[in-house]
Structures are given as C-alpha cells and as structure tokens.
Protein backbone atom coordinates (compact mmCIF):
# COMPACT_ATOMS: atom_id res chain seq x y z
CA VAL A 1 23.56 -39.14 13.11
CA THR A 2 24.05 -42.87 12.76
CA CYS A 3 27.13 -44.87 13.53
CA SER A 4 28.13 -48.16 11.88
CA ILE A 5 29.67 -49.47 15.16
CA SER A 6 27.06 -51.58 16.89
CA GLY A 7 26.29 -50.39 20.45
CA ALA A 8 28.30 -47.17 20.17
CA LYS A 9 26.99 -43.87 21.52
CA VAL A 10 27.53 -40.68 19.48
CA SER A 11 27.44 -37.16 20.93
CA ALA A 12 28.28 -33.67 19.65
CA LYS A 13 27.67 -30.02 20.41
CA LYS A 14 24.77 -28.46 18.55
CA LEU A 15 25.54 -26.88 15.19
CA SER A 16 24.43 -23.24 14.92
CA LEU A 17 22.58 -22.59 11.68
CA VAL A 18 22.21 -18.86 12.33
CA ALA A 19 25.45 -17.83 10.62
CA THR A 20 26.46 -19.04 7.17
CA GLY A 21 29.84 -20.48 6.21
CA LYS A 22 31.98 -23.52 6.92
CA LYS A 23 31.33 -25.22 10.26
CA LYS A 24 33.20 -28.01 11.99
CA VAL A 25 31.48 -30.43 14.32
CA THR A 26 33.40 -32.79 16.56
CA TYR A 27 31.57 -36.06 17.16
CA THR A 28 32.49 -38.20 20.16
CA VAL A 29 31.97 -41.92 19.61
CA THR A 30 31.95 -44.01 22.81
CA LYS A 31 31.73 -47.80 23.15
CA GLY A 32 32.51 -49.24 26.51
CA ASN A 33 35.77 -47.66 27.77
CA SER A 34 36.89 -46.68 24.28
CA THR A 35 36.35 -43.10 23.02
CA ARG A 36 37.14 -41.65 19.63
CA LYS A 37 36.64 -38.12 18.23
CA VAL A 38 35.73 -37.49 14.60
CA ASP A 39 35.71 -34.02 12.97
CA VAL A 40 33.15 -33.43 10.23
CA SER A 41 32.91 -30.20 8.18
CA PHE A 42 29.62 -28.68 6.99
CA THR A 43 28.77 -25.64 4.92
CA VAL A 44 25.76 -23.67 6.11
CA ARG A 45 24.14 -21.80 3.22
CA ASP A 46 21.37 -19.19 3.22
CA THR A 47 18.80 -20.16 0.58
CA LYS A 48 15.78 -18.25 1.91
CA SER A 49 14.57 -15.10 0.16
CA PRO A 50 13.54 -11.92 1.99
CA LYS A 51 9.86 -11.28 2.74
CA ILE A 52 8.13 -8.05 1.64
CA SER A 53 5.00 -6.92 3.49
CA TYR A 54 2.77 -3.89 2.81
CA ILE A 55 0.63 -1.92 5.24
CA VAL A 56 -2.08 -1.59 2.56
CA VAL A 57 -2.03 -4.23 -0.18
CA ASP A 58 -3.89 -2.16 -2.82
CA PRO A 59 -3.52 1.50 -1.81
CA SER A 60 -5.74 4.20 -3.30
CA ILE A 61 -5.52 8.00 -3.24
CA GLU A 62 -7.89 10.78 -4.23
CA PHE A 63 -7.32 12.69 -7.44
CA GLY A 64 -4.52 15.21 -6.79
CA GLY A 65 -3.44 13.40 -3.58
CA SER A 66 0.02 12.23 -2.60
CA PHE A 67 1.56 8.81 -1.99
CA ASP A 68 4.98 7.67 -0.77
CA PRO A 69 5.51 3.94 -1.43
CA TYR A 70 8.17 3.75 1.30
CA ASP A 71 5.53 4.79 3.85
CA ASN A 72 3.43 1.78 2.77
CA ILE A 73 6.16 -0.76 3.62
CA GLU A 74 5.30 -2.71 6.76
CA TYR A 75 8.63 -4.55 6.65
CA VAL A 76 11.24 -6.02 4.33
CA ARG A 77 12.86 -8.77 6.34
CA ASP A 78 15.23 -11.64 5.68
CA PRO A 79 15.01 -14.78 7.84
CA VAL A 80 18.82 -14.74 8.32
CA ASP A 81 19.80 -11.06 8.05
CA GLY A 82 16.76 -9.48 9.71
CA ASP A 83 15.30 -6.14 8.57
CA LEU A 84 16.71 -4.84 5.29
CA GLU A 85 17.56 -1.19 4.60
CA ALA A 86 15.85 0.92 1.95
CA ARG A 87 18.12 2.21 -0.83
CA SER A 88 17.45 4.64 -3.66
CA SER A 89 19.09 2.25 -6.15
CA GLU A 90 20.61 -1.21 -6.24
CA PRO A 91 24.16 -1.14 -4.78
CA SER A 92 26.99 -1.98 -7.19
CA GLU A 93 28.93 -3.90 -4.54
CA PRO A 94 27.58 -6.82 -2.50
CA GLY A 95 27.23 -6.12 1.18
CA ASP A 96 24.44 -5.82 3.65
CA GLY A 97 20.89 -6.61 2.60
CA TRP A 98 18.79 -3.88 0.95
CA TYR A 99 15.57 -3.12 -0.89
CA THR A 100 14.55 -0.64 -3.59
CA ILE A 101 11.24 0.61 -4.98
CA GLU A 102 10.84 1.51 -8.65
CA GLY A 103 7.80 3.18 -10.17
CA SER A 104 5.91 6.46 -10.22
CA TYR A 105 2.41 7.89 -10.48
CA ASN A 106 0.62 11.00 -11.69
CA ALA A 107 -1.78 12.34 -9.05
CA ASN A 108 -3.64 14.30 -11.73
CA ALA A 109 -4.39 11.35 -14.00
CA ALA A 110 -6.81 8.69 -12.76
CA GLY A 111 -5.73 5.09 -13.21
CA LYS A 112 -3.57 2.29 -11.86
CA TYR A 113 0.17 2.76 -11.27
CA TYR A 114 2.58 -0.06 -10.53
CA TYR A 115 5.65 -0.19 -8.33
CA THR A 116 8.18 -3.00 -8.09
CA VAL A 117 9.83 -3.68 -4.74
CA THR A 118 13.09 -5.65 -5.02
CA ALA A 119 14.83 -7.04 -1.94
CA CYS A 120 18.19 -8.77 -1.69
CA ASP A 121 19.91 -10.26 1.34
CA ARG A 122 23.69 -10.28 1.89
CA ASN A 123 23.92 -13.78 0.40
CA GLY A 124 22.31 -12.77 -2.89
CA ASN A 125 18.83 -14.22 -2.34
CA ARG A 126 16.28 -11.96 -4.02
CA ALA A 127 12.56 -11.34 -3.80
CA THR A 128 10.31 -9.03 -5.82
CA ARG A 129 6.74 -7.96 -5.21
CA GLN A 130 4.47 -5.64 -7.14
CA LEU A 131 2.42 -2.84 -5.60
CA CYS A 132 -0.58 -1.32 -7.41
CA LEU A 133 -1.64 2.24 -6.56
CA THR A 134 -5.02 3.52 -7.76
CA VAL A 135 -5.54 7.24 -8.36
CA GLN A 136 -9.27 7.92 -8.10
CA PRO A 137 -11.06 9.86 -10.88
CA GLU A 138 -11.40 13.61 -10.55
CA PRO A 139 -14.61 14.40 -8.68
CA THR A 140 -17.33 16.01 -10.76
CA PRO A 141 -17.84 19.55 -9.53
CA SER A 142 -21.30 19.93 -8.10
CA ALA A 143 -23.54 22.77 -9.23
CA PRO A 144 -24.10 25.45 -6.60
CA THR A 145 -27.37 25.39 -4.69
CA TYR A 146 -29.48 28.43 -3.85
CA ASP A 147 -32.65 29.29 -1.96
CA TYR A 148 -35.39 30.11 -4.46
CA LEU A 149 -38.88 31.53 -4.23
CA LEU A 150 -41.27 29.73 -6.61
CA ASN A 151 -44.50 31.25 -7.88
CA THR A 152 -46.79 28.28 -8.48
CA SER A 153 -49.23 30.47 -10.43
CA THR A 154 -46.84 32.07 -12.96
CA ARG A 155 -44.37 29.12 -12.88
CA LYS A 156 -41.50 31.62 -12.41
CA PHE A 157 -38.69 31.30 -9.87
CA HIS A 158 -36.81 34.12 -8.15
CA TYR A 159 -33.98 34.80 -5.76
CA LEU A 160 -35.43 35.42 -2.28
CA SER A 161 -34.34 39.07 -2.47
CA CYS A 162 -36.14 39.75 -5.79
CA SER A 163 -38.81 42.51 -5.54
CA TYR A 164 -40.97 40.78 -8.19
CA GLY A 165 -40.85 37.56 -6.19
CA GLN A 166 -41.89 39.38 -3.02
CA ARG A 167 -45.19 40.36 -4.75
CA THR A 168 -46.21 36.69 -4.99
CA TYR A 169 -49.39 35.87 -3.05
CA ASP A 170 -48.88 33.61 -0.04
CA LYS A 171 -51.08 30.89 -1.54
CA ASN A 172 -48.80 30.76 -4.64
CA ARG A 173 -45.47 30.85 -2.72
CA ARG A 174 -43.25 27.86 -2.47
CA TYR A 175 -39.61 27.77 -1.26
CA PHE A 176 -36.99 25.47 -2.72
CA THR A 177 -33.28 24.92 -2.07
CA GLY A 178 -31.36 23.30 -4.90
CA THR A 179 -29.68 23.92 -8.23
CA ARG A 180 -30.96 26.11 -11.05
CA ASP A 181 -31.24 23.04 -13.31
CA GLU A 182 -33.40 21.25 -10.74
CA VAL A 183 -35.88 24.15 -10.63
CA ILE A 184 -36.05 24.32 -14.44
CA ALA A 185 -36.59 20.55 -14.55
CA MET A 186 -39.61 21.09 -12.26
CA GLY A 187 -41.19 23.23 -15.00
CA TYR A 188 -40.28 26.75 -13.75
CA SER A 189 -38.62 29.49 -15.78
CA PRO A 190 -36.27 32.19 -14.40
CA CYS A 191 -37.54 35.63 -13.45
CA GLN A 192 -36.76 38.26 -16.11
CA LYS A 193 -35.63 40.74 -13.45
CA CYS A 194 -33.31 38.88 -11.02
CA TRP A 195 -32.22 36.17 -13.52
CA PRO A 196 -31.61 33.37 -11.04
C-alpha cells in the first residue's frame, strides 16, 4: 500500500483471503500527531479450479476382472473448499463442491475404456480429467500336458498306463511331459490302443 502523503505511515490488519466475498479493510494513516482512518472495500474471489488425482494413472484389469473408478481416486480437492464429495450426477442446484465420474467398461471385451471425471467447487470453478482403463485380452487357453512314454524304435507314444507301451525295451524308452501336439511335432504318432 502506498500513500501520497509524504512521510506518512500506513498500517492495517491483515486481510484474510481464505473466505470469498466482500471485505473491508481499515487503514490507519499516521503523520506526526495526526491520525486518520480510511475504509477500503475489496472483493475476494475464488478463481482456482479443483485438482483431480488418481491412484493409478493408467489402470489395467485382466479379462473378466472388475474395476470401480471411484476406488482409483486419490483425491479431488479444491484449494479453497478442500476435499470435494463424490456424487452420482451433477447437482441441479449450486451448493457445496462435488465431483462425478462418467463412463463404463465391458470386462469381457478387451480394449481401452474412457471415463471423464468432472469436479466443481462451490464458486463454480470446474476441472475435468480423463481416465483410461485397459481391459487385457482374454488369455489363450493352454493345451493340457501329460506324461508320455515314447518308443524311440517304433516312433509311437503312449500313456504311461498303456500295456503296449509297457512292452517297450528299456533301451528304446524315453519319457516326456508336454502336450500331445509337442510329441507329434517331435515325429511320434499316437498308439492305436490307448490313443493319447
């Protein structure tokens, strides 16, 4: 604060900027033994938007999994109003600050799904932020594995319990654990009795 009176001292109580609205400040101007009080009015306005923070910026779930976007909110906070309350929809009447989340996903369809978080403080300042959820592709079912007895002489493979396989000479026996396709790819054909 400056004063046009040369040599005058100006003092005032501090103005609180925490609450919005009209404020009056009384300035005391002193020069020598003379003192004068001057009232000046100010309007304190809230012009800052709320801040939206996520726990995970780009969340991802497995195919068929579940996700609640409200559980991924770290905070929605306004510098003046503090923490804002989650609402299912935007209120029709102004009031306390709030935030909403719009969007959906299909847990059984791989891809990216977008949510929009909208926050509004009690003075009408808004903020929006997008959230992208990834649903992972459906895992490819793996072929079952079995324990097989391989006859290196006949190039046949058997289940371990097969009586034909049990007749295989020790020198021609080989054991393998894996899928049927893997054994066939090794050049073996299935036994005509146990049909592995």
